[in-house]
Amino acid sequence: MKKRKKWMSICLVVCLIGGIGGAAWYHRRKLEERRLSLVYIPKVEDSTNDFWKALILGTKMAAKEYNADIEIKAPNEENDIERQNELLKEAISEEPDAILFSPSSFTESNDLLKEAKEKGIRISFIDSYTEEKVQDLTVATDNLEAGEKLGKFAATLLGPDDQIAIVAHVKGVSTAVEREEGFRKGLGDLAENIVEVVYCDSQYEKSRKLTQELMEKYPNLKMVAGMNEYSSVGAARAVKAAGAKDRIQVVGVDSSQEAVQLMENGVFKGLVVQKAFKMGYIGVKETILMLRGKSYEKDVNSGCELVTPDNMYDSEIEKLLFPFNTLKLS
């Protein structure tokens, strides 16, 4: 009798363990099968800007491959912080599983992001970040590294007394701050030759006009450095229009079809190109792994490469410069 009771107790324990394990397996399986809802709010959605086009395409492709719906909500201009926050409020009200966010301001979205976290919405930062560490994960270029790469290359083009101007994108945003800091570090002692820093608010035409004014203000200017695609291409347009490509060196961050043509024409001497598609793809992939309770990376450097006229047609560099051609072939 005692033996029978003992065996019954053992069987009961085994059944309980099996039941708990089965329930956990069922819960995990349902979590893995459920189609997730994501909202991505970039700084801008602009058909003329290859960086944002490639990044957004990367988010959409990853969402499709990993069984999630993704909605893109974007301002029409990169410096429209107010509109970006309106879209963030809208996204919070929809209560998705996660909001992926590329903040245009270092401080102005903090309260809204905290509100989202309080509602149980997970937050992923892509490309840039905010003052408050509210995010669950970040996928971005190491912008200090990108700026330093550009600065070290720029230093090889300059004499000891050559004047330099910086055309940055949006004042105070983390990418602009870190790229300028890295650029100065890469320049070394030549950083003392920076005569002025201006901001184009991520507008091609404003960058062109600002560069034109800089050339007039500093007749001995020898270099203009752009800190994103808008500022870089706008500066290059101004130097090209002035017929000054042999007198003023232009370097920058990010690439586009126009930037490639400007490099082929001798205007751009060097560009640090981010891996935009990879950034968007990994941002969504890691977010989904996190939501499904799997192992994920909390801080991912998506990388960048220095592109010059000497290496621009190397096979790996071509994939960065012509991402849409590469995707069509794959």
Protein backbone atom coordinates (compact mmCIF):
# COMPACT_ATOMS: atom_id res chain seq x y z
CA MET A 1 0.00 0.00 0.00
CA LYS A 2 2.79 2.39 0.96
CA LYS A 3 4.59 1.56 -2.28
CA ARG A 4 1.43 2.28 -4.24
CA LYS A 5 1.00 5.69 -2.55
CA LYS A 6 4.65 6.46 -3.20
CA TRP A 7 4.30 5.66 -6.89
CA MET A 8 1.09 7.70 -7.10
CA SER A 9 2.90 10.69 -5.53
CA ILE A 10 5.75 10.35 -8.00
CA CYS A 11 3.32 10.16 -10.93
CA LEU A 12 1.48 13.25 -9.64
CA VAL A 13 4.71 15.23 -9.42
CA VAL A 14 5.73 14.11 -12.91
CA CYS A 15 2.33 15.13 -14.28
CA LEU A 16 2.54 18.52 -12.57
CA ILE A 17 6.02 19.15 -13.96
CA GLY A 18 4.91 17.99 -17.38
CA GLY A 19 1.84 20.22 -17.20
CA ILE A 20 3.86 23.27 -16.22
CA GLY A 21 6.42 22.54 -18.91
CA GLY A 22 3.70 22.01 -21.48
CA ALA A 23 1.97 25.25 -20.54
CA ALA A 24 5.26 27.14 -20.80
CA TRP A 25 5.95 25.54 -24.18
CA TYR A 26 2.44 26.40 -25.38
CA HIS A 27 2.79 30.04 -24.20
CA ARG A 28 6.19 30.36 -25.89
CA ARG A 29 4.85 28.79 -29.10
CA LYS A 30 1.86 31.16 -29.20
CA LEU A 31 4.18 34.11 -28.57
CA GLU A 32 6.38 33.01 -31.44
CA GLU A 33 3.41 32.55 -33.78
CA ARG A 34 1.56 35.79 -32.97
CA ARG A 35 1.95 38.49 -35.61
CA LEU A 36 3.54 41.47 -33.91
CA SER A 37 2.61 45.12 -34.42
CA LEU A 38 5.40 47.70 -34.85
CA VAL A 39 5.45 51.42 -35.56
CA TYR A 40 8.59 53.07 -36.91
CA ILE A 41 8.98 56.85 -36.68
CA PRO A 42 12.07 58.02 -38.62
CA LYS A 43 13.21 61.63 -38.75
CA VAL A 44 11.84 61.97 -42.26
CA GLU A 45 10.50 59.97 -45.20
CA ASP A 46 12.07 61.55 -48.27
CA SER A 47 12.20 59.98 -51.72
CA THR A 48 15.24 62.14 -52.59
CA ASN A 49 17.32 60.88 -49.66
CA ASP A 50 18.97 57.48 -50.20
CA PHE A 51 19.91 57.06 -46.54
CA TRP A 52 16.34 57.16 -45.26
CA LYS A 53 15.01 55.24 -48.27
CA ALA A 54 17.43 52.38 -47.61
CA LEU A 55 16.89 52.40 -43.83
CA ILE A 56 13.09 52.30 -44.12
CA LEU A 57 13.31 49.55 -46.74
CA GLY A 58 15.44 47.53 -44.30
CA THR A 59 12.78 47.85 -41.57
CA LYS A 60 10.04 46.70 -43.94
CA MET A 61 11.99 43.71 -45.22
CA ALA A 62 12.84 42.50 -41.71
CA ALA A 63 9.23 42.89 -40.56
CA LYS A 64 8.05 40.78 -43.50
CA GLU A 65 10.62 38.05 -42.83
CA TYR A 66 9.99 37.90 -39.07
CA ASN A 67 6.17 37.85 -39.08
CA ALA A 68 5.35 41.42 -38.01
CA ASP A 69 3.31 44.33 -39.30
CA ILE A 70 5.15 47.66 -39.43
CA GLU A 71 3.65 51.09 -39.95
CA ILE A 72 5.87 54.02 -40.96
CA LYS A 73 4.91 57.43 -39.57
CA ALA A 74 7.27 60.23 -40.62
CA PRO A 75 7.48 64.02 -40.76
CA ASN A 76 8.09 65.71 -44.12
CA GLU A 77 11.21 67.47 -42.83
CA GLU A 78 13.99 66.11 -40.63
CA ASN A 79 14.03 69.14 -38.34
CA ASP A 80 10.26 69.06 -37.63
CA ILE A 81 10.48 67.93 -34.01
CA GLU A 82 6.94 69.05 -33.21
CA ARG A 83 5.45 66.89 -35.97
CA GLN A 84 7.60 63.92 -34.97
CA ASN A 85 6.24 64.17 -31.42
CA GLU A 86 2.68 64.38 -32.72
CA LEU A 87 3.30 61.13 -34.59
CA LEU A 88 4.82 59.61 -31.46
CA LYS A 89 1.65 60.50 -29.49
CA GLU A 90 -0.43 58.93 -32.25
CA ALA A 91 1.64 55.76 -32.14
CA ILE A 92 1.35 55.50 -28.34
CA SER A 93 -2.44 55.72 -28.59
CA GLU A 94 -2.40 52.72 -30.96
CA GLU A 95 -0.55 50.64 -28.33
CA PRO A 96 1.65 48.56 -30.65
CA ASP A 97 4.02 45.92 -29.31
CA ALA A 98 6.97 48.24 -29.96
CA ILE A 99 7.79 51.70 -31.26
CA LEU A 100 11.02 52.08 -33.21
CA PHE A 101 12.15 55.69 -33.07
CA SER A 102 14.83 57.88 -34.67
CA PRO A 103 14.68 60.99 -32.46
CA SER A 104 15.29 64.36 -34.11
CA SER A 105 15.79 65.96 -30.69
CA PHE A 106 18.05 64.98 -27.84
CA THR A 107 15.53 66.14 -25.21
CA GLU A 108 12.08 67.00 -26.61
CA SER A 109 10.64 63.46 -26.82
CA ASN A 110 11.66 62.20 -23.37
CA ASP A 111 8.27 62.56 -21.65
CA LEU A 112 6.37 60.86 -24.46
CA LEU A 113 8.82 57.97 -24.57
CA LYS A 114 8.41 57.50 -20.80
CA GLU A 115 4.63 57.46 -21.28
CA ALA A 116 5.02 54.71 -23.88
CA LYS A 117 7.14 52.62 -21.52
CA GLU A 118 4.56 53.04 -18.74
CA LYS A 119 1.96 51.57 -21.10
CA GLY A 120 4.15 48.52 -21.66
CA ILE A 121 5.27 49.50 -25.16
CA ARG A 122 8.87 48.49 -25.90
CA ILE A 123 11.15 51.18 -27.36
CA SER A 124 13.94 50.70 -29.90
CA PHE A 125 16.15 53.55 -31.06
CA ILE A 126 17.44 53.52 -34.63
CA ASP A 127 20.13 55.93 -35.92
CA SER A 128 20.05 58.31 -32.93
CA TYR A 129 19.07 58.46 -29.27
CA THR A 130 17.82 60.82 -26.55
CA GLU A 131 19.14 62.20 -23.30
CA GLU A 132 17.02 59.78 -21.25
CA LYS A 133 17.96 56.11 -21.46
CA VAL A 134 14.39 54.91 -22.00
CA GLN A 135 15.13 52.53 -24.87
CA ASP A 136 15.23 48.75 -24.67
CA LEU A 137 17.77 48.58 -27.49
CA THR A 138 19.71 50.81 -29.90
CA VAL A 139 20.91 50.13 -33.44
CA ALA A 140 23.01 52.93 -34.91
CA THR A 141 26.26 53.91 -36.52
CA ASP A 142 29.00 54.73 -34.04
CA ASN A 143 28.88 58.40 -34.98
CA LEU A 144 32.04 59.30 -33.07
CA GLU A 145 33.84 56.66 -35.12
CA ALA A 146 32.27 57.92 -38.37
CA GLY A 147 33.31 61.49 -37.65
CA GLU A 148 36.81 60.44 -36.66
CA LYS A 149 37.25 58.42 -39.87
CA LEU A 150 36.23 61.46 -41.88
CA GLY A 151 38.53 63.74 -39.87
CA LYS A 152 41.57 61.51 -40.26
CA PHE A 153 41.04 61.31 -44.00
CA ALA A 154 40.41 65.06 -44.26
CA ALA A 155 43.67 65.76 -42.46
CA THR A 156 45.58 64.04 -45.29
CA LEU A 157 44.20 66.60 -47.75
CA LEU A 158 45.06 69.72 -45.79
CA GLY A 159 48.04 71.94 -45.16
CA PRO A 160 48.91 73.22 -41.66
CA ASP A 161 47.13 76.56 -42.10
CA ASP A 162 44.18 75.57 -44.30
CA GLN A 163 40.78 76.86 -43.19
CA ILE A 164 37.90 74.41 -42.65
CA ALA A 165 34.15 74.92 -42.34
CA ILE A 166 31.56 72.42 -41.12
CA VAL A 167 28.02 72.24 -42.48
CA ALA A 168 26.03 70.12 -40.04
CA HIS A 169 22.39 69.04 -40.18
CA VAL A 170 20.23 69.65 -37.07
CA LYS A 171 21.72 71.45 -34.09
CA GLY A 172 21.69 69.40 -30.89
CA VAL A 173 20.71 66.05 -32.40
CA SER A 174 22.99 63.26 -31.19
CA THR A 175 24.28 62.36 -34.68
CA ALA A 176 25.37 65.93 -35.43
CA VAL A 177 27.02 66.40 -32.03
CA GLU A 178 28.96 63.12 -32.15
CA ARG A 179 30.05 63.37 -35.78
CA GLU A 180 31.43 66.85 -35.24
CA GLU A 181 33.21 65.70 -32.07
CA GLY A 182 34.71 62.74 -33.92
CA PHE A 183 35.66 64.89 -36.91
CA ARG A 184 37.56 67.30 -34.67
CA LYS A 185 39.33 64.39 -32.99
CA GLY A 186 40.32 62.92 -36.36
CA LEU A 187 41.69 66.25 -37.55
CA GLY A 188 43.98 66.47 -34.53
CA ASP A 189 45.77 69.83 -34.34
CA LEU A 190 44.10 70.89 -37.60
CA ALA A 191 40.81 71.20 -35.69
CA GLU A 192 42.04 74.63 -34.63
CA ASN A 193 41.61 75.67 -38.29
CA ILE A 194 37.80 75.25 -38.18
CA VAL A 195 36.51 78.76 -38.81
CA GLU A 196 32.77 78.16 -38.45
CA VAL A 197 30.03 75.55 -37.94
CA VAL A 198 26.62 76.14 -39.55
CA TYR A 199 23.40 74.10 -39.60
CA CYS A 200 21.25 73.45 -42.67
CA ASP A 201 18.28 71.82 -40.87
CA SER A 202 18.70 68.86 -43.21
CA GLN A 203 17.72 70.84 -46.30
CA TYR A 204 19.74 70.58 -49.51
CA GLU A 205 19.06 74.15 -50.63
CA LYS A 206 19.83 75.69 -47.24
CA SER A 207 23.12 73.79 -47.17
CA ARG A 208 23.99 75.08 -50.66
CA LYS A 209 23.25 78.69 -49.66
CA LEU A 210 25.16 78.41 -46.38
CA THR A 211 28.19 77.00 -48.20
CA GLN A 212 28.03 79.77 -50.76
CA GLU A 213 28.02 82.31 -47.91
CA LEU A 214 30.96 80.56 -46.24
CA MET A 215 33.00 80.75 -49.46
CA GLU A 216 32.30 84.47 -49.71
CA LYS A 217 33.02 85.09 -46.02
CA TYR A 218 36.28 83.10 -46.04
CA PRO A 219 38.05 83.62 -49.39
CA ASN A 220 40.89 81.32 -48.28
CA LEU A 221 38.59 78.44 -47.30
CA LYS A 222 40.15 75.10 -48.26
CA MET A 223 37.63 72.52 -47.02
CA VAL A 224 33.91 72.09 -46.35
CA ALA A 225 32.78 69.05 -44.36
CA GLY A 226 29.13 67.94 -44.43
CA MET A 227 27.76 65.87 -41.56
CA ASN A 228 24.87 64.07 -43.34
CA GLU A 229 23.52 63.58 -46.87
CA TYR A 230 21.62 66.87 -47.01
CA SER A 231 24.50 68.98 -45.73
CA SER A 232 27.16 67.12 -47.75
CA VAL A 233 25.37 67.19 -51.10
CA GLY A 234 24.24 70.79 -50.63
CA ALA A 235 27.81 71.87 -49.91
CA ALA A 236 29.13 69.95 -52.92
CA ARG A 237 26.54 71.60 -55.18
CA ALA A 238 27.74 75.04 -54.07
CA VAL A 239 31.43 74.24 -54.61
CA LYS A 240 30.69 72.74 -58.03
CA ALA A 241 28.57 75.75 -59.09
CA ALA A 242 31.38 78.11 -58.05
CA GLY A 243 33.90 76.16 -60.12
CA ALA A 244 35.94 75.70 -56.95
CA LYS A 245 36.33 71.90 -56.80
CA ASP A 246 40.13 72.15 -57.27
CA ARG A 247 40.48 74.88 -54.65
CA ILE A 248 38.02 73.71 -51.96
CA GLN A 249 38.00 70.08 -50.82
CA VAL A 250 34.58 68.65 -49.97
CA VAL A 251 34.13 65.67 -47.66
CA GLY A 252 30.99 64.38 -46.01
CA VAL A 253 28.83 61.70 -44.43
CA ASP A 254 26.26 59.56 -46.30
CA SER A 255 25.82 58.86 -49.97
CA SER A 256 23.27 59.08 -52.78
CA GLN A 257 23.26 58.71 -56.55
CA GLU A 258 24.00 62.43 -56.82
CA ALA A 259 26.84 62.14 -54.30
CA VAL A 260 28.39 59.33 -56.38
CA GLN A 261 28.21 61.51 -59.49
CA LEU A 262 29.78 64.41 -57.60
CA MET A 263 32.63 62.13 -56.53
CA GLU A 264 33.09 60.91 -60.10
CA ASN A 265 33.27 64.58 -61.17
CA GLY A 266 36.00 65.30 -58.62
CA VAL A 267 33.92 67.39 -56.19
CA PHE A 268 33.73 64.94 -53.30
CA LYS A 269 37.15 63.79 -52.13
CA GLY A 270 35.80 61.42 -49.49
CA LEU A 271 32.54 60.21 -47.91
CA VAL A 272 31.89 58.13 -44.82
CA VAL A 273 28.92 55.97 -45.80
CA GLN A 274 26.63 54.39 -43.22
CA LYS A 275 25.10 50.94 -43.66
CA ALA A 276 21.54 52.25 -43.70
CA PHE A 277 19.70 49.15 -44.93
CA LYS A 278 21.53 47.00 -42.37
CA MET A 279 20.65 49.50 -39.62
CA GLY A 280 16.94 49.33 -40.38
CA TYR A 281 16.89 45.56 -40.87
CA ILE A 282 18.76 44.76 -37.66
CA GLY A 283 16.70 47.31 -35.71
CA VAL A 284 13.50 45.43 -36.54
CA LYS A 285 15.06 41.96 -36.24
CA GLU A 286 16.45 42.59 -32.73
CA THR A 287 13.19 44.22 -31.63
CA ILE A 288 11.22 41.15 -32.72
CA LEU A 289 13.65 38.78 -30.99
CA MET A 290 13.21 40.85 -27.82
CA LEU A 291 9.39 40.78 -28.09
CA ARG A 292 9.41 37.02 -28.58
CA GLY A 293 11.50 36.50 -25.44
CA LYS A 294 14.60 35.38 -27.32
CA SER A 295 18.22 36.46 -26.95
CA TYR A 296 18.88 39.85 -28.58
CA GLU A 297 21.56 42.53 -28.84
CA LYS A 298 20.87 45.68 -26.82
CA ASP A 299 23.45 47.92 -28.47
CA VAL A 300 24.41 47.34 -32.12
CA ASN A 301 26.92 49.35 -34.13
CA SER A 302 25.68 48.96 -37.71
CA GLY A 303 29.00 50.21 -39.14
CA CYS A 304 30.29 52.62 -41.78
CA GLU A 305 32.97 52.78 -44.48
CA LEU A 306 35.23 55.48 -45.89
CA VAL A 307 34.64 55.86 -49.63
CA THR A 308 37.08 57.69 -51.90
CA PRO A 309 37.58 57.91 -55.68
CA ASP A 310 40.22 55.18 -55.25
CA ASN A 311 37.92 52.53 -53.74
CA MET A 312 34.43 53.54 -54.85
CA TYR A 313 34.18 50.72 -57.39
CA ASP A 314 35.42 47.95 -55.12
CA SER A 315 32.69 45.29 -54.95
CA GLU A 316 31.85 45.74 -51.26
CA ILE A 317 31.83 49.54 -51.54
CA GLU A 318 29.56 49.37 -54.59
CA LYS A 319 26.98 47.52 -52.49
CA LEU A 320 26.91 50.50 -50.13
CA LEU A 321 26.77 53.11 -52.88
CA PHE A 322 24.14 51.31 -54.96
CA PRO A 323 22.01 49.47 -52.36
CA PHE A 324 18.85 49.40 -54.44
CA ASN A 325 20.63 47.79 -57.42
CA THR A 326 22.02 45.14 -55.07
CA LEU A 327 18.57 44.41 -53.62
CA LYS A 328 17.04 44.03 -57.08
CA LEU A 329 19.63 41.38 -57.90
CA SER A 330 19.18 39.38 -54.69
